[in-house]
Protein backbone atom coordinates (compact mmCIF):
# COMPACT_ATOMS: atom_id res chain seq x y z
CA UNK A 1 55.11 -71.38 -33.67
CA UNK A 2 53.08 -69.94 -36.56
CA UNK A 3 52.32 -66.26 -35.95
CA UNK A 4 50.83 -65.43 -39.36
CA UNK A 5 49.59 -62.92 -40.41
CA UNK A 6 53.06 -61.37 -40.03
CA UNK A 7 53.35 -58.06 -38.26
CA UNK A 8 55.56 -56.39 -40.83
CA UNK A 9 55.75 -58.51 -43.94
CA UNK A 10 59.49 -58.64 -44.53
CA UNK A 11 59.16 -61.61 -46.85
CA UNK A 12 56.52 -59.84 -48.90
CA UNK A 13 58.52 -56.63 -49.01
CA UNK A 14 61.32 -58.56 -50.68
CA UNK A 15 58.88 -59.69 -53.34
CA UNK A 16 57.78 -56.10 -53.86
CA UNK A 17 61.26 -54.79 -54.69
CA UNK A 18 60.56 -55.33 -58.36
CA UNK A 19 57.17 -53.58 -58.12
CA UNK A 20 57.73 -49.84 -57.60
CA UNK A 21 55.47 -48.16 -55.11
CA UNK A 22 53.06 -45.38 -55.98
CA UNK A 23 55.02 -42.60 -57.65
CA UNK A 24 55.51 -39.40 -55.74
CA UNK A 25 53.84 -37.50 -58.55
CA UNK A 26 50.47 -38.42 -60.07
CA UNK A 27 51.10 -36.61 -63.38
CA UNK A 28 49.21 -38.35 -66.17
CA UNK A 29 46.82 -40.13 -63.80
CA UNK A 30 43.29 -38.93 -63.16
CA UNK A 31 42.16 -38.94 -59.56
CA UNK A 32 38.73 -40.61 -59.29
CA UNK A 33 36.44 -41.06 -56.28
CA UNK A 34 36.18 -44.51 -54.74
CA UNK A 35 33.01 -46.56 -54.94
CA UNK A 36 33.60 -47.94 -51.44
CA UNK A 37 33.32 -45.63 -48.41
CA UNK A 38 36.19 -44.17 -46.38
CA UNK A 39 35.53 -42.71 -42.93
CA UNK A 40 37.19 -41.63 -39.71
CA UNK A 41 35.81 -41.51 -36.19
CA UNK A 42 37.61 -38.41 -35.01
CA UNK A 43 36.31 -34.83 -34.85
CA UNK A 44 34.79 -32.89 -37.72
CA UNK A 45 37.28 -30.62 -39.45
CA UNK A 46 39.97 -33.25 -39.85
CA UNK A 47 38.45 -35.05 -42.86
CA UNK A 48 40.25 -35.55 -46.14
CA UNK A 49 39.17 -36.96 -49.49
CA UNK A 50 40.47 -40.35 -50.66
CA UNK A 51 41.23 -40.66 -54.36
CA UNK A 52 41.82 -43.79 -56.43
CA UNK A 53 44.35 -43.68 -59.26
CA UNK A 54 42.70 -46.25 -61.51
CA UNK A 55 39.31 -47.70 -62.37
CA UNK A 56 39.99 -50.94 -60.51
CA UNK A 57 41.29 -48.97 -57.52
CA UNK A 58 38.09 -46.90 -57.48
CA UNK A 59 36.09 -50.12 -57.33
CA UNK A 60 38.51 -51.77 -54.90
CA UNK A 61 38.84 -54.85 -57.15
CA UNK A 62 41.86 -56.99 -57.99
CA UNK A 63 41.03 -59.65 -60.61
CA UNK A 64 43.41 -62.54 -60.08
CA UNK A 65 43.32 -63.32 -63.80
CA UNK A 66 45.21 -60.06 -64.34
CA UNK A 67 46.34 -58.62 -60.99
CA UNK A 68 46.64 -54.87 -60.85
CA UNK A 69 48.04 -52.81 -58.01
CA UNK A 70 45.39 -50.64 -56.36
CA UNK A 71 46.86 -47.22 -55.63
CA UNK A 72 45.35 -44.47 -53.52
CA UNK A 73 46.20 -40.94 -52.42
CA UNK A 74 44.57 -38.52 -50.00
CA UNK A 75 43.77 -35.02 -51.20
CA UNK A 76 45.64 -33.82 -48.13
CA UNK A 77 47.76 -36.12 -45.97
CA UNK A 78 45.48 -37.86 -43.47
CA UNK A 79 46.44 -36.82 -39.95
CA UNK A 80 46.72 -39.89 -37.71
CA UNK A 81 46.18 -39.31 -33.98
CA UNK A 82 47.95 -41.60 -31.55
CA UNK A 83 46.54 -45.10 -31.00
CA UNK A 84 44.67 -45.40 -34.29
CA UNK A 85 44.39 -48.17 -36.87
CA UNK A 86 43.39 -48.40 -40.52
CA UNK A 87 40.59 -50.94 -40.75
CA UNK A 88 39.80 -52.61 -44.08
CA UNK A 89 36.73 -54.67 -44.92
CA UNK A 90 37.23 -57.03 -47.83
CA UNK A 91 36.36 -60.41 -49.26
CA UNK A 92 36.94 -62.75 -52.19
CA UNK A 93 34.45 -63.60 -54.89
CA UNK A 94 34.46 -66.34 -57.50
CA UNK A 95 32.85 -65.16 -60.70
CA UNK A 96 30.43 -67.76 -62.02
CA UNK A 97 28.39 -67.94 -65.20
CA UNK A 98 25.36 -66.68 -63.26
CA UNK A 99 24.88 -63.06 -62.28
CA UNK A 100 25.43 -63.78 -58.59
CA UNK A 101 28.99 -63.98 -57.23
CA UNK A 102 29.63 -66.72 -54.71
CA UNK A 103 31.68 -65.94 -51.61
CA UNK A 104 34.85 -67.97 -51.46
CA UNK A 105 38.40 -67.89 -50.23
CA UNK A 106 41.20 -67.75 -52.81
CA UNK A 107 43.55 -70.53 -53.75
CA UNK A 108 46.74 -69.87 -51.81
CA UNK A 109 48.64 -68.62 -54.85
CA UNK A 110 48.61 -64.98 -53.81
CA UNK A 111 49.18 -62.85 -50.76
CA UNK A 112 47.27 -59.58 -50.52
CA UNK A 113 49.64 -56.86 -49.34
CA UNK A 114 48.77 -53.44 -47.95
CA UNK A 115 51.71 -51.04 -48.17
CA UNK A 116 51.47 -47.63 -46.48
CA UNK A 117 53.93 -45.00 -47.59
CA UNK A 118 56.11 -43.94 -44.69
CA UNK A 119 54.68 -46.57 -42.34
CA UNK A 120 54.72 -50.34 -42.97
CA UNK A 121 53.59 -53.21 -45.19
CA UNK A 122 51.12 -55.82 -43.97
CA UNK A 123 49.87 -59.15 -45.24
CA UNK A 124 46.09 -59.24 -45.20
CA UNK A 125 44.84 -62.66 -44.04
CA UNK A 126 42.96 -64.73 -46.58
CA UNK A 127 40.97 -66.48 -43.85
CA UNK A 128 40.95 -67.12 -40.09
CA UNK A 129 42.75 -70.47 -40.19
CA UNK A 130 45.76 -69.04 -38.37
CA UNK A 131 43.52 -68.75 -35.29
CA UNK A 132 42.46 -72.38 -35.51
CA UNK A 133 39.06 -71.45 -36.96
CA UNK A 134 38.10 -73.96 -39.63
CA UNK A 135 34.93 -72.20 -40.82
CA UNK A 136 36.67 -69.36 -42.59
CA UNK A 137 34.56 -68.31 -45.55
CA UNK A 138 33.03 -64.86 -45.62
CA UNK A 139 33.97 -61.19 -45.61
CA UNK A 140 36.67 -60.04 -43.23
CA UNK A 141 37.84 -56.93 -41.44
CA UNK A 142 41.49 -56.29 -40.67
CA UNK A 143 42.75 -53.37 -38.57
CA UNK A 144 46.44 -52.48 -38.94
CA UNK A 145 47.99 -50.15 -36.33
CA UNK A 146 49.47 -46.90 -37.63
CA UNK A 147 52.55 -45.28 -36.16
CA UNK A 148 53.24 -42.59 -38.78
CA UNK A 149 51.78 -39.17 -37.87
CA UNK A 150 50.09 -38.91 -41.28
CA UNK A 151 49.31 -40.94 -44.39
CA UNK A 152 49.59 -39.59 -47.92
CA UNK A 153 49.43 -42.70 -50.09
CA UNK A 154 48.98 -46.43 -49.88
CA UNK A 155 48.53 -49.41 -52.18
CA UNK A 156 47.07 -52.93 -52.17
CA UNK A 157 48.78 -55.62 -54.24
CA UNK A 158 48.21 -59.30 -55.04
CA UNK A 159 51.68 -60.84 -54.80
CA UNK A 160 52.15 -64.28 -56.41
CA UNK A 161 53.72 -66.96 -54.23
CA UNK A 162 55.75 -69.81 -55.77
CA UNK A 163 53.76 -73.01 -55.35
CA UNK A 164 53.24 -76.40 -56.91
CA UNK A 165 49.49 -76.13 -56.44
CA UNK A 166 47.54 -76.53 -59.66
CA UNK A 167 44.46 -74.59 -58.53
CA UNK A 168 43.49 -71.94 -61.01
CA UNK A 169 42.64 -68.66 -59.25
CA UNK A 170 41.76 -66.78 -62.43
CA UNK A 171 38.03 -66.77 -61.63
CA UNK A 172 38.66 -65.03 -58.28
CA UNK A 173 38.62 -61.34 -57.43
CA UNK A 174 39.69 -59.48 -54.30
CA UNK A 175 37.05 -56.92 -53.33
CA UNK A 176 37.72 -54.02 -50.96
CA UNK A 177 34.43 -52.97 -49.36
CA UNK A 178 35.38 -50.12 -47.05
CA UNK A 179 38.18 -48.29 -45.26
CA UNK A 180 38.05 -46.40 -42.00
CA UNK A 181 40.32 -44.96 -39.36
CA UNK A 182 39.38 -46.39 -35.95
CA UNK A 183 40.67 -46.38 -32.39
CA UNK A 184 43.42 -48.97 -32.07
CA UNK A 185 42.43 -52.39 -30.83
CA UNK A 186 43.96 -55.86 -30.96
CA UNK A 187 42.57 -59.38 -31.19
CA UNK A 188 39.74 -60.89 -33.20
CA UNK A 189 35.98 -61.19 -33.11
CA UNK A 190 33.42 -63.08 -35.14
CA UNK A 191 30.63 -61.13 -36.76
CA UNK A 192 27.30 -62.35 -38.08
CA UNK A 193 26.96 -65.92 -39.31
CA UNK A 194 25.60 -64.86 -42.72
CA UNK A 195 28.58 -63.72 -44.86
CA UNK A 196 26.24 -61.73 -47.09
CA UNK A 197 25.34 -59.43 -44.21
CA UNK A 198 27.29 -56.64 -42.57
CA UNK A 199 29.48 -56.47 -40.54
CA UNK A 200 32.09 -58.91 -41.89
CA UNK A 201 32.10 -62.37 -40.44
CA UNK A 202 35.54 -61.90 -38.87
CA UNK A 203 37.35 -58.81 -37.61
CA UNK A 204 41.05 -59.36 -36.91
CA UNK A 205 44.28 -57.50 -36.25
CA UNK A 206 47.99 -58.29 -36.45
CA UNK A 207 49.83 -59.66 -33.42
CA UNK A 208 47.14 -62.19 -32.50
CA UNK A 209 47.91 -65.88 -32.92
CA UNK A 210 47.23 -69.36 -31.64
CA UNK A 211 49.71 -70.50 -28.99
CA UNK A 212 50.26 -73.81 -27.23
CA UNK A 213 50.95 -73.44 -23.49
CA UNK A 214 50.75 -76.92 -22.00
CA UNK A 215 47.93 -79.18 -23.17
CA UNK A 216 45.47 -76.54 -24.32
CA UNK A 217 45.82 -74.19 -27.23
CA UNK A 218 45.57 -70.51 -26.42
CA UNK A 219 44.81 -67.25 -28.16
CA UNK A 220 47.68 -64.81 -27.60
CA UNK A 221 47.65 -61.07 -28.26
CA UNK A 222 51.09 -59.50 -27.97
CA UNK A 223 51.97 -56.45 -30.10
CA UNK A 224 55.63 -55.33 -30.00
CA UNK A 225 56.46 -52.16 -28.08
CA UNK A 226 56.23 -49.65 -30.98
CA UNK A 227 52.65 -50.73 -31.72
CA UNK A 228 51.26 -50.98 -28.19
CA UNK A 229 48.49 -48.62 -27.17
CA UNK A 230 49.68 -45.66 -25.14
CA UNK A 231 46.28 -45.15 -23.50
CA UNK A 232 44.37 -47.36 -21.10
CA UNK A 233 42.78 -50.53 -22.44
CA UNK A 234 40.09 -53.01 -21.42
CA UNK A 235 39.68 -56.71 -22.16
CA UNK A 236 36.65 -58.45 -23.62
CA UNK A 237 36.48 -62.22 -24.22
CA UNK A 238 33.39 -64.07 -25.50
CA UNK A 239 32.64 -67.77 -25.85
CA UNK A 240 34.39 -68.95 -22.69
CA UNK A 241 33.92 -72.33 -21.10
CA UNK A 242 33.94 -72.91 -17.35
CA UNK A 243 37.50 -73.00 -16.05
CA UNK A 244 38.94 -70.83 -18.82
CA UNK A 245 41.60 -68.30 -17.85
CA UNK A 246 42.75 -64.95 -19.18
CA UNK A 247 46.23 -63.82 -18.16
CA UNK A 248 46.78 -60.10 -18.70
CA UNK A 249 50.41 -59.19 -18.18
CA UNK A 250 51.11 -60.64 -14.74
CA UNK A 251 47.50 -60.89 -13.51
CA UNK A 252 45.35 -63.98 -14.02
CA UNK A 253 41.56 -63.95 -14.22
CA UNK A 254 39.67 -67.27 -13.93
CA UNK A 255 36.22 -67.69 -15.47
CA UNK A 256 33.98 -69.65 -13.10
CA UNK A 257 30.64 -69.13 -14.84
CA UNK A 258 28.64 -71.97 -16.28
CA UNK A 259 25.68 -70.28 -17.95
CA UNK A 260 25.44 -70.59 -21.75
CA UNK A 261 23.68 -67.22 -21.72
CA UNK A 262 26.78 -65.31 -20.59
CA UNK A 263 30.15 -66.97 -21.31
CA UNK A 264 31.69 -63.51 -21.36
CA UNK A 265 34.59 -61.93 -19.50
CA UNK A 266 34.97 -58.16 -19.35
CA UNK A 267 37.90 -56.67 -17.44
CA UNK A 268 37.81 -52.88 -16.94
CA UNK A 269 41.02 -50.92 -17.23
CA UNK A 270 41.31 -50.26 -13.50
CA UNK A 271 41.59 -54.00 -12.79
CA UNK A 272 44.43 -54.49 -15.30
CA UNK A 273 48.14 -54.21 -14.55
CA UNK A 274 50.09 -51.20 -15.85
CA UNK A 275 51.54 -53.41 -18.61
CA UNK A 276 48.63 -55.46 -20.04
CA UNK A 277 50.74 -57.46 -22.50
CA UNK A 278 50.71 -60.24 -23.43
CA UNK A 279 47.06 -61.22 -23.21
CA UNK A 280 46.67 -65.01 -23.20
CA UNK A 281 43.31 -66.81 -23.15
CA UNK A 282 43.18 -70.57 -22.67
CA UNK A 283 41.69 -72.91 -23.71
CA UNK A 284 41.08 -71.43 -27.13
CA UNK A 285 38.29 -73.80 -28.17
CA UNK A 286 34.92 -72.16 -28.54
CA UNK A 287 36.30 -68.62 -28.20
CA UNK A 288 34.70 -66.24 -30.67
CA UNK A 289 36.15 -62.93 -29.47
CA UNK A 290 39.36 -61.83 -27.75
CA UNK A 291 39.82 -58.07 -27.74
CA UNK A 292 42.10 -55.48 -26.18
CA UNK A 293 40.03 -52.33 -26.73
CA UNK A 294 40.46 -48.65 -25.78
CA UNK A 295 39.15 -47.96 -22.28
CA UNK A 296 35.90 -46.02 -22.26
CA UNK A 297 35.74 -42.71 -20.42
CA UNK A 298 33.27 -42.95 -17.55
CA UNK A 299 32.29 -39.82 -15.66
CA UNK A 300 32.24 -40.29 -11.88
CA UNK A 301 29.89 -41.15 -10.23
CA UNK A 302 27.09 -41.01 -12.81
CA UNK A 303 28.71 -43.60 -15.09
CA UNK A 304 29.45 -46.73 -13.00
CA UNK A 305 32.23 -49.11 -14.07
CA UNK A 306 30.85 -52.38 -15.51
CA UNK A 307 32.39 -55.31 -13.67
CA UNK A 308 31.73 -58.77 -12.32
CA UNK A 309 31.42 -59.03 -8.50
CA UNK A 310 34.56 -61.21 -8.42
CA UNK A 311 36.56 -58.41 -10.03
CA UNK A 312 35.00 -55.79 -7.73
CA UNK A 313 36.12 -57.70 -4.63
CA UNK A 314 39.76 -57.46 -5.76
CA UNK A 315 39.57 -54.18 -7.70
CA UNK A 316 42.70 -52.15 -6.83
CA UNK A 317 41.69 -49.33 -4.52
CA UNK A 318 44.32 -47.09 -6.12
CA UNK A 319 42.27 -47.37 -9.33
CA UNK A 320 39.17 -45.89 -7.68
CA UNK A 321 38.06 -42.61 -9.24
CA UNK A 322 37.45 -41.12 -5.78
CA UNK A 323 39.30 -41.66 -2.51
CA UNK A 324 36.27 -42.56 -0.38
CA UNK A 325 34.28 -44.91 -2.63
CA UNK A 326 33.78 -46.39 -6.09
CA UNK A 327 30.57 -47.33 -7.87
CA UNK A 328 30.21 -50.23 -10.31
CA UNK A 329 27.51 -51.64 -12.56
CA UNK A 330 27.05 -55.42 -12.27
CA UNK A 331 28.10 -56.65 -15.71
CA UNK A 332 25.57 -59.48 -16.02
CA UNK A 333 22.78 -57.61 -14.21
CA UNK A 334 23.35 -54.01 -15.33
CA UNK A 335 20.28 -52.69 -13.50
CA UNK A 336 22.13 -53.31 -10.23
CA UNK A 337 24.72 -50.77 -9.02
CA UNK A 338 27.39 -51.85 -6.54
CA UNK A 339 28.96 -49.41 -4.06
CA UNK A 340 32.31 -50.17 -2.44
CA UNK A 341 33.32 -47.77 0.34
CA UNK A 342 36.62 -47.23 2.07
CA UNK A 343 35.13 -47.43 5.60
CA UNK A 344 31.91 -48.28 7.39
CA UNK A 345 31.57 -44.63 8.40
CA UNK A 346 31.53 -43.52 4.77
CA UNK A 347 29.01 -46.25 3.97
CA UNK A 348 26.81 -45.08 6.86
CA UNK A 349 26.79 -41.53 5.55
CA UNK A 350 25.25 -42.79 2.31
CA UNK A 351 22.98 -45.58 3.53
CA UNK A 352 22.34 -45.66 7.29
CA UNK A 353 19.19 -43.51 7.23
CA UNK A 354 17.96 -45.56 4.25
CA UNK A 355 18.39 -48.74 6.29
CA UNK A 356 16.14 -47.44 9.07
CA UNK A 357 13.60 -46.01 6.62
CA UNK A 358 13.39 -49.28 4.67
CA UNK A 359 13.88 -52.16 7.09
CA UNK A 360 14.27 -51.32 10.79
CA UNK A 361 11.64 -51.98 13.45
CA UNK A 362 9.99 -48.80 14.68
CA UNK A 363 11.48 -46.67 11.89
CA UNK A 364 10.23 -48.14 8.60
CA UNK A 365 8.63 -45.49 6.40
CA UNK A 366 9.90 -42.62 8.55
CA UNK A 367 12.90 -40.33 8.04
CA UNK A 368 14.91 -40.56 11.26
CA UNK A 369 17.12 -37.67 12.33
CA UNK A 370 20.87 -38.08 12.77
CA UNK A 371 20.46 -37.70 16.52
CA UNK A 372 17.89 -40.51 16.72
CA UNK A 373 20.09 -43.09 15.02
CA UNK A 374 23.55 -41.85 15.99
CA UNK A 375 24.09 -44.61 18.56
CA UNK A 376 22.19 -47.30 16.66
CA UNK A 377 23.77 -49.79 14.27
CA UNK A 378 22.76 -49.73 10.62
CA UNK A 379 24.25 -52.52 8.53
CA UNK A 380 27.75 -53.41 7.39
CA UNK A 381 26.35 -54.07 3.90
CA UNK A 382 23.25 -52.74 2.19
CA UNK A 383 20.65 -53.44 -0.51
CA UNK A 384 17.79 -51.25 -1.75
CA UNK A 385 15.37 -51.62 -4.65
CA UNK A 386 14.20 -48.76 -6.87
CA UNK A 387 10.83 -48.56 -5.09
CA UNK A 388 12.41 -48.05 -1.65
CA UNK A 389 14.94 -45.53 -2.96
CA UNK A 390 12.22 -43.51 -4.70
CA UNK A 391 10.06 -43.51 -1.58
CA UNK A 392 12.97 -42.33 0.56
CA UNK A 393 13.99 -39.41 -1.63
CA UNK A 394 10.40 -38.38 -2.40
CA UNK A 395 9.63 -38.33 1.33
CA UNK A 396 12.67 -36.11 1.88
CA UNK A 397 11.54 -33.76 -0.90
CA UNK A 398 7.96 -33.53 0.39
CA UNK A 399 9.06 -32.67 3.93
CA UNK A 400 12.14 -30.66 3.00
CA UNK A 401 14.12 -33.06 5.20
CA UNK A 402 17.80 -32.08 5.67
CA UNK A 403 19.66 -34.96 4.00
CA UNK A 404 23.42 -35.33 4.22
CA UNK A 405 25.62 -34.23 1.32
CA UNK A 406 26.38 -37.88 0.61
CA UNK A 407 22.67 -38.73 0.43
CA UNK A 408 22.16 -35.89 -2.06
CA UNK A 409 25.09 -37.21 -4.06
CA UNK A 410 23.49 -40.65 -4.04
CA UNK A 411 20.16 -39.19 -5.17
CA UNK A 412 21.77 -37.40 -8.13
CA UNK A 413 23.63 -40.53 -9.15
CA UNK A 414 20.47 -42.67 -8.98
CA UNK A 415 18.59 -40.12 -11.09
CA UNK A 416 21.34 -40.06 -13.73
CA UNK A 417 21.53 -43.85 -13.90
CA UNK A 418 17.74 -44.31 -14.09
CA UNK A 419 17.29 -46.26 -10.87
CA UNK A 420 14.91 -43.49 -9.82
CA UNK A 421 13.29 -40.92 -12.13
CA UNK A 422 11.18 -37.76 -11.97
CA UNK A 423 7.71 -37.88 -13.51
CA UNK A 424 5.93 -35.02 -15.23
CA UNK A 425 4.96 -33.60 -11.83
CA UNK A 426 8.67 -33.70 -10.79
CA UNK A 427 7.85 -36.33 -8.19
CA UNK A 428 10.48 -39.03 -7.67
CA UNK A 429 9.22 -42.44 -8.72
CA UNK A 430 10.90 -45.85 -9.20
CA UNK A 431 12.95 -46.37 -12.32
CA UNK A 432 14.60 -49.76 -12.76
CA UNK A 433 17.01 -51.82 -10.71
CA UNK A 434 18.56 -51.22 -7.34
CA UNK A 435 21.76 -50.71 -5.42
CA UNK A 436 23.91 -52.81 -3.08
CA UNK A 437 26.92 -51.83 -0.98
CA UNK A 438 29.91 -53.41 0.73
CA UNK A 439 32.93 -51.88 2.44
CA UNK A 440 36.71 -52.31 2.41
CA UNK A 441 36.59 -52.20 6.21
CA UNK A 442 35.10 -55.70 6.21
CA UNK A 443 37.70 -58.51 6.31
CA UNK A 444 38.02 -60.46 3.03
CA UNK A 445 35.86 -63.41 4.10
CA UNK A 446 33.04 -61.05 5.12
CA UNK A 447 33.37 -58.96 1.95
CA UNK A 448 32.88 -62.12 -0.06
CA UNK A 449 29.91 -63.26 2.05
CA UNK A 450 28.31 -59.79 1.95
CA UNK A 451 28.77 -59.59 -1.83
CA UNK A 452 26.91 -62.90 -2.21
CA UNK A 453 24.15 -62.00 0.24
CA UNK A 454 23.56 -58.51 -1.18
CA UNK A 455 24.03 -59.72 -4.74
CA UNK A 456 21.16 -62.17 -4.50
CA UNK A 457 19.05 -59.38 -3.00
CA UNK A 458 19.83 -57.35 -6.11
CA UNK A 459 18.70 -60.14 -8.44
CA UNK A 460 15.56 -60.60 -6.31
CA UNK A 461 14.73 -56.91 -6.89
CA UNK A 462 14.82 -57.17 -10.68
CA UNK A 463 13.59 -60.70 -11.47
CA UNK A 464 9.87 -61.51 -10.98
CA UNK A 465 10.33 -65.24 -11.51
CA UNK A 466 13.01 -65.38 -8.81
CA UNK A 467 10.68 -63.55 -6.45
CA UNK A 468 7.88 -65.98 -7.27
CA UNK A 469 10.13 -68.99 -6.67
CA UNK A 470 11.28 -67.52 -3.33
CA UNK A 471 7.67 -66.87 -2.31
CA UNK A 472 6.73 -70.50 -2.98
CA UNK A 473 9.67 -71.74 -0.90
CA UNK A 474 8.61 -69.41 1.94
CA UNK A 475 4.96 -70.50 1.78
CA UNK A 476 5.94 -74.17 1.87
CA UNK A 477 8.62 -73.80 4.54
CA UNK A 478 7.81 -76.15 7.46
CA UNK A 479 6.33 -74.32 10.42
CA UNK A 480 9.33 -75.19 12.61
CA UNK A 481 11.67 -73.53 10.13
CA UNK A 482 9.44 -70.48 9.64
CA UNK A 483 9.03 -69.82 13.39
CA UNK A 484 12.78 -70.14 13.81
CA UNK A 485 13.81 -67.82 10.97
CA UNK A 486 11.21 -65.16 11.82
CA UNK A 487 12.48 -65.13 15.39
CA UNK A 488 16.04 -64.72 14.11
CA UNK A 489 15.03 -61.80 11.85
CA UNK A 490 13.23 -60.20 14.82
CA UNK A 491 16.45 -60.66 16.83
CA UNK A 492 18.25 -58.83 13.96
CA UNK A 493 15.79 -55.90 14.29
CA UNK A 494 14.16 -56.42 10.90
CA UNK A 495 10.53 -55.38 10.60
CA UNK A 496 9.04 -58.88 10.54
CA UNK A 497 5.61 -57.53 9.53
CA UNK A 498 7.03 -56.79 6.05
CA UNK A 499 6.39 -60.05 4.17
CA UNK A 500 8.42 -58.94 1.11
CA UNK A 501 11.38 -58.28 3.39
CA UNK A 502 11.01 -61.62 5.16
CA UNK A 503 10.98 -63.57 1.87
CA UNK A 504 13.93 -61.58 0.52
CA UNK A 505 16.03 -62.14 3.65
CA UNK A 506 15.06 -65.82 3.88
CA UNK A 507 16.28 -66.33 0.31
CA UNK A 508 19.54 -64.41 0.83
CA UNK A 509 20.42 -66.23 4.07
CA UNK A 510 19.87 -69.57 2.33
CA UNK A 511 22.16 -68.57 -0.56
CA UNK A 512 24.91 -66.59 1.16
CA UNK A 513 27.07 -69.64 1.84
CA UNK A 514 27.65 -72.91 -0.04
CA UNK A 515 25.12 -75.69 0.40
CA UNK A 516 27.71 -77.74 2.30
CA UNK A 517 27.84 -75.01 4.97
CA UNK A 518 24.09 -74.39 5.22
CA UNK A 519 23.31 -77.07 7.80
CA UNK A 520 25.98 -75.83 10.19
CA UNK A 521 25.13 -72.15 9.66
CA UNK A 522 21.45 -72.58 10.47
CA UNK A 523 21.56 -75.67 12.71
CA UNK A 524 24.44 -74.47 14.89
CA UNK A 525 25.44 -70.81 14.47
CA UNK A 526 22.02 -69.16 14.18
CA UNK A 527 20.23 -71.65 16.43
CA UNK A 528 22.80 -71.03 19.17
CA UNK A 529 22.06 -67.28 19.02
CA UNK A 530 18.35 -67.98 19.47
CA UNK A 531 19.06 -70.47 22.27
CA UNK A 532 20.99 -67.78 24.15
CA UNK A 533 17.71 -65.92 24.68
CA UNK A 534 15.54 -67.62 27.29
CA UNK A 535 12.29 -66.37 25.78
CA UNK A 536 13.28 -67.00 22.13
CA UNK A 537 14.46 -70.57 22.53
CA UNK A 538 10.86 -71.77 22.59
CA UNK A 539 10.90 -71.66 18.78
CA UNK A 540 13.67 -74.28 18.67
CA UNK A 541 13.05 -78.02 18.21
CA UNK A 542 14.96 -80.51 20.41
CA UNK A 543 18.73 -80.09 20.57
CA UNK A 544 21.21 -82.90 19.97
CA UNK A 545 23.42 -82.52 23.04
CA UNK A 546 26.12 -84.79 21.67
CA UNK A 547 26.77 -82.61 18.64
CA UNK A 548 25.61 -79.33 20.16
CA UNK A 549 23.35 -78.71 17.16
CA UNK A 550 19.67 -78.66 16.21
CA UNK A 551 19.35 -81.39 13.53
CA UNK A 552 15.81 -80.53 12.42
CA UNK A 553 16.75 -76.89 11.74
CA UNK A 554 19.89 -78.05 9.93
CA UNK A 555 17.88 -80.45 7.76
CA UNK A 556 15.14 -77.96 6.85
CA UNK A 557 17.53 -75.22 5.74
CA UNK A 558 19.93 -77.56 3.98
CA UNK A 559 17.00 -78.59 1.79
CA UNK A 560 16.10 -74.95 1.19
CA UNK A 561 19.69 -74.00 0.34
CA UNK A 562 19.94 -76.84 -2.17
CA UNK A 563 16.65 -75.85 -3.80
CA UNK A 564 17.69 -72.21 -4.13
CA UNK A 565 21.15 -73.13 -5.38
CA UNK A 566 19.72 -75.43 -8.06
CA UNK A 567 17.40 -72.65 -9.21
CA UNK A 568 20.05 -69.92 -9.56
CA UNK A 569 22.42 -72.38 -11.23
CA UNK A 570 19.88 -73.29 -13.89
CA UNK A 571 18.87 -69.65 -14.45
CA UNK A 572 22.22 -67.87 -14.37
CA UNK A 573 25.05 -70.32 -13.77
CA UNK A 574 25.39 -69.07 -10.17
CA UNK A 575 25.28 -71.11 -6.96
CA UNK A 576 24.81 -70.82 -3.23
CA UNK A 577 27.88 -68.97 -1.99
CA UNK A 578 28.73 -67.54 -5.44
CA UNK A 579 27.41 -64.60 -7.46
CA UNK A 580 30.62 -64.01 -9.38
CA UNK A 581 31.58 -65.33 -12.81
CA UNK A 582 35.25 -64.31 -12.43
CA UNK A 583 37.90 -64.71 -9.75
CA UNK A 584 41.34 -63.19 -9.42
CA UNK A 585 43.38 -66.08 -7.94
């Protein structure tokens, strides 16, 4: 299996034995500033100056007609914190008779070698062919992990390789564009399509290669133990096709999305196993980024964890930042926040009063006291748009209503995330988005159903076209179906005078299960609940006694479920019964 570029270039080191490294003393050489930039991303006060020891080194150029080692030294040894890499941007130019150099890749007569005193030597890739990428021309970035506590000197050399090729590389030059010290990461990513623009077209690291598990090729990232990150990491993959899989250590994540607009998998650190190596993504075709990156710090609860609903459903509870609940930001719909609570009681302390204020018959628009609603049921899952949340908290502020500590905590979080905002008069007004909630107390099948139901509510809150489509379906719903569903919502204690609420719930009930289950859900389960009430059953059409179902209800809502499912599939690659793009099998 070809794993080039090599991690530590033993073969190249053998070639370098006859080429002495940068002398310990620079007597006789004049230190000159580099033309290309050098930078670090760690705190002010730890900078050092990079000097070049020759004219070509200052320019970062190796002419292949007469290769010269580029040697560099820091004014003071560069302190290297843990989990950092040295990232180089470079390219190859063919010098023509015109004034404009033409980007090109070199004839394979040389290897470009970075040698770091006291650390390691690395082959710099000439192109991205080792990853199965045929379109390889353009500038590149390469980040090599550092394990030495400091760097004093390093060099870059063009090492000739014995070959029978007759290509003449003398018109080529290697050009170093920049150097920087960055947080350690592994993998590769494609940059902009125009190689003349910044950033480079490809960023790569060692220890990433193309593997062949079974029929499909794979991209594998697997640094050896000394080079692995000591801190937490996250995974980002772009360019996935439906059915692709990412295996991180011992945990497998399946990509189920089908929308060309997304094709992205992000796995936060809390969802990863303790040992996230190796990372294997298959199939490799079409992939344009596979990255193991440092985990971002996210303050709780004001900075929700970005995640797909499928990951949230299986997110390890021991990874929660608080014992009682965790808050996420829907990765593909970042305006929507997703609460997951340990118990229904905890969920009620955050959302029960909101449920009555927003949706319940006889309570809507009024702040109910704890005593009033103590023996009444709220919901086992929740959804609220920015407008309802702003109205609730502004009403509490105007009347000095005694909210629970959890409700105050929710208010602060919503203000910090921009779901609600304060205007110039300090009044609370809608911001953008909304919030949904599920609980770990629900059994797995209900958690999944609630996530779908509430998830589509969330999208309804933020997408005007989806709301318009849902309104048209509601307006054109046959009268038999509309009488039936309004009676059911009345049975559920929704305020059926709220047309926005009726349309929203109609849509979510149509989409909460797969289209194959819709006929049974509406034509048997819900119709039977209505039939159990002697005064409600008048809204039902004739029953088929043989099957125990109501065929007309089943037919009407099967059609609606299929129409809604087709719409969300075309818009976002979702479907009835599915709001996730990722599953954890």
